[in-house]
Amino acid sequence: MPLIDAQALTKTYVMGDMTVHALRGVSITINEGDFVAIMGASGSGKSTLMNILGCLDLPTAGQYHLAGEAVQGMAPDQLASIRNRRIGFVFQQFNLLPRTSALENVELPMVYAGIKAPERRERALAALQKVGLGDRAMHTPSELSGGQQQRVAIARALVNNPQLILADEPTGALDTQTSEDIMNLLTDLNRQGMTVVIVTHEADIAAWARRKIVFRDGHILEDVSQHLSVRAEPVEALRQAQGERERAQGERERAQGERERAQGEREGMGAKE
């Protein structure tokens, strides 16, 4: 039985006299232990699908089972329960409480689950150690780098022992080296048996996954396996992408400099006249 089994999902939004079809009959299954990247341009439906898979929203029509539980008919409190028990979330902007320590941030899902304080502390410390931040437990987010904050967020996602990690643009706010570190961490978790689904618009990040699903206009455009023999080497892809961004930035700066020099020359000629 797959961990995720979604069949003929549709999602429509009514905005005044306009109906927006965000998903159009999407069917997808994801097995336990898989590592999947979901890609697509803005408005393609990938974020809508992520919200439904994460039990943050319900489909307009269709069937969705998570670990055998039928999600589509659940009440809000039931959705909150299944999120807390089965899913760990990782977001682009980390979503940490700014005035609380890393330890307290990681403890938060267990507060909602009703776990007592001594066990919360023990499990939160273990999760921070797992992501390499055991010595930063008492630091607040402002005392941590962006990469360290995302590691805290991953520890928080892991602390309730979920079956599924959903990561929405997990490297979007990070530099290349830190992105590589975070993707290495997610890959290690997947090798240990964790199911990982990431949403990204960056091909170099999607290259880390074993399966890539591409959305367009509410439909699945492409669903392919990415074996090591055919996919780009993720680390090299990250570095190449960063190099291309830096070259493009350099070209823009040179073009701007040329425009400014030309403007200066024109102004100088005007002054002489």
Foldseek 3Di string as FASTA:
>chain_A
DAQKWWFQFWAWDDDPPDIATLAGGETDTHHFLFFEEEAEDPSQNPVVVLCCVLLVDATPDTWIAGNRRTRRPDDPVVSVVCNLQAEFEAEQQLPADQPFFLLVRLLVSVVVVVDDDVVSSVLSLVLCVLLPRNVRRRPGPVVDDPLSSRSSSVSSRPSSPHQEYEYEPNCVPDALVSLVSVLVSVLVVSVVGHYYYYYDHDLLSRLSGQWYWYGGSNYTPDIDGRDPVHGDDSSVSSVVVNVVVVVVVVVVVVVVVVVVVVVVVVVVVVVVD
